[in-house]
Amino acid sequence: MDTHYPLDAEIILIGRAGRLSMEAGELLIKKGFKNIAHITTGFEGDLDANKHRGNINGWSHDDLPWEQC
């Protein structure tokens, strides 16, 4: 299936920790997309001192809406 989006489509990107969604957003901007946003801390956030995610920041840590299906 080939899906096309207009260059002015609003696109929000989120990943585990935010790094790859930022890179994806930069690539989309280079391709001509204009309304790109990404969640800077991602869904699970940064690693804590014990190398666990979800304890410092991130979408789920900040009690933003989500549900597991």
C-alpha atoms as a PDB file:
ATOM      1  CA  MET A   1       0.000   0.000   0.000  1.00  0.00           C
ATOM      2  CA  ASP A   2       1.387   3.366  -1.018  1.00  0.00           C
ATOM      3  CA  THR A   3       0.268   6.213   1.255  1.00  0.00           C
ATOM      4  CA  HIS A   4       0.907   9.854   0.473  1.00  0.00           C
ATOM      5  CA  TYR A   5       0.502  12.762   2.850  1.00  0.00           C
ATOM      6  CA  PRO A   6       0.366  16.427   1.904  1.00  0.00           C
ATOM      7  CA  LEU A   7       3.491  18.395   2.827  1.00  0.00           C
ATOM      8  CA  ASP A   8       1.418  20.536   5.201  1.00  0.00           C
ATOM      9  CA  ALA A   9      -0.029  17.544   7.117  1.00  0.00           C
ATOM     10  CA  GLU A  10       0.327  17.765  10.904  1.00  0.00           C
ATOM     11  CA  ILE A  11       2.609  14.909  11.980  1.00  0.00           C
ATOM     12  CA  ILE A  12       3.516  14.069  15.580  1.00  0.00           C
ATOM     13  CA  LEU A  13       6.287  11.542  16.198  1.00  0.00           C
ATOM     14  CA  ILE A  14       6.998   9.613  19.385  1.00  0.00           C
ATOM     15  CA  GLY A  15       9.518   6.891  20.113  1.00  0.00           C
ATOM     16  CA  ARG A  16      10.889   5.202  23.188  1.00  0.00           C
ATOM     17  CA  ALA A  17      13.287   7.961  24.286  1.00  0.00           C
ATOM     18  CA  GLY A  18      12.916  10.711  21.672  1.00  0.00           C
ATOM     19  CA  ARG A  19      16.188  10.368  19.765  1.00  0.00           C
ATOM     20  CA  LEU A  20      14.920   8.477  16.723  1.00  0.00           C
ATOM     21  CA  SER A  21      11.711  10.501  16.461  1.00  0.00           C
ATOM     22  CA  MET A  22      13.869  13.636  16.310  1.00  0.00           C
ATOM     23  CA  GLU A  23      15.942  12.112  13.498  1.00  0.00           C
ATOM     24  CA  ALA A  24      12.776  11.042  11.672  1.00  0.00           C
ATOM     25  CA  GLY A  25      11.379  14.555  12.004  1.00  0.00           C
ATOM     26  CA  GLU A  26      14.560  16.070  10.588  1.00  0.00           C
ATOM     27  CA  LEU A  27      14.358  13.692   7.624  1.00  0.00           C
ATOM     28  CA  LEU A  28      10.710  14.586   7.001  1.00  0.00           C
ATOM     29  CA  ILE A  29      11.581  18.299   7.104  1.00  0.00           C
ATOM     30  CA  LYS A  30      14.331  17.685   4.532  1.00  0.00           C
ATOM     31  CA  LYS A  31      11.683  15.967   2.381  1.00  0.00           C
ATOM     32  CA  GLY A  32       9.579  19.143   2.492  1.00  0.00           C
ATOM     33  CA  PHE A  33       7.116  18.486   5.324  1.00  0.00           C
ATOM     34  CA  LYS A  34       6.319  21.624   7.290  1.00  0.00           C
ATOM     35  CA  ASN A  35       4.281  20.693  10.406  1.00  0.00           C
ATOM     36  CA  ILE A  36       6.413  18.136  12.220  1.00  0.00           C
ATOM     37  CA  ALA A  37       6.539  17.743  15.997  1.00  0.00           C
ATOM     38  CA  HIS A  38       8.044  15.085  18.208  1.00  0.00           C
ATOM     39  CA  ILE A  39       7.850  14.227  21.894  1.00  0.00           C
ATOM     40  CA  THR A  40      11.355  15.193  23.026  1.00  0.00           C
ATOM     41  CA  THR A  41      11.522  12.750  25.942  1.00  0.00           C
ATOM     42  CA  GLY A  42       9.751   9.939  24.091  1.00  0.00           C
ATOM     43  CA  PHE A  43       7.293   7.529  25.635  1.00  0.00           C
ATOM     44  CA  GLU A  44       9.572   5.920  28.233  1.00  0.00           C
ATOM     45  CA  GLY A  45      12.050   8.772  28.748  1.00  0.00           C
ATOM     46  CA  ASP A  46      15.702   8.837  29.726  1.00  0.00           C
ATOM     47  CA  LEU A  47      17.618   6.165  31.587  1.00  0.00           C
ATOM     48  CA  ASP A  48      17.907   6.582  35.350  1.00  0.00           C
ATOM     49  CA  ALA A  49      20.984   5.667  37.432  1.00  0.00           C
ATOM     50  CA  ASN A  50      19.926   1.990  37.312  1.00  0.00           C
ATOM     51  CA  LYS A  51      19.493   2.112  33.519  1.00  0.00           C
ATOM     52  CA  HIS A  52      15.694   1.905  33.750  1.00  0.00           C
ATOM     53  CA  ARG A  53      13.329   4.089  31.764  1.00  0.00           C
ATOM     54  CA  GLY A  54      10.069   5.650  32.901  1.00  0.00           C
ATOM     55  CA  ASN A  55      11.344   7.005  36.231  1.00  0.00           C
ATOM     56  CA  ILE A  56      12.668  10.411  35.160  1.00  0.00           C
ATOM     57  CA  ASN A  57      10.582  11.709  32.283  1.00  0.00           C
ATOM     58  CA  GLY A  58       8.655  10.624  29.222  1.00  0.00           C
ATOM     59  CA  TRP A  59       5.044  10.558  28.088  1.00  0.00           C
ATOM     60  CA  SER A  60       4.024   7.730  30.432  1.00  0.00           C
ATOM     61  CA  HIS A  61       5.959   9.158  33.417  1.00  0.00           C
ATOM     62  CA  ASP A  62       4.292  12.550  32.990  1.00  0.00           C
ATOM     63  CA  ASP A  63       0.822  10.950  33.268  1.00  0.00           C
ATOM     64  CA  LEU A  64      -0.160  11.908  29.748  1.00  0.00           C
ATOM     65  CA  PRO A  65      -3.026   9.871  28.257  1.00  0.00           C
ATOM     66  CA  TRP A  66      -2.319   6.413  26.836  1.00  0.00           C
ATOM     67  CA  GLU A  67      -3.687   2.921  27.037  1.00  0.00           C
ATOM     68  CA  GLN A  68      -2.215  -0.458  26.324  1.00  0.00           C
ATOM     69  CA  CYS A  69      -4.149  -2.566  23.843  1.00  0.00           C
END
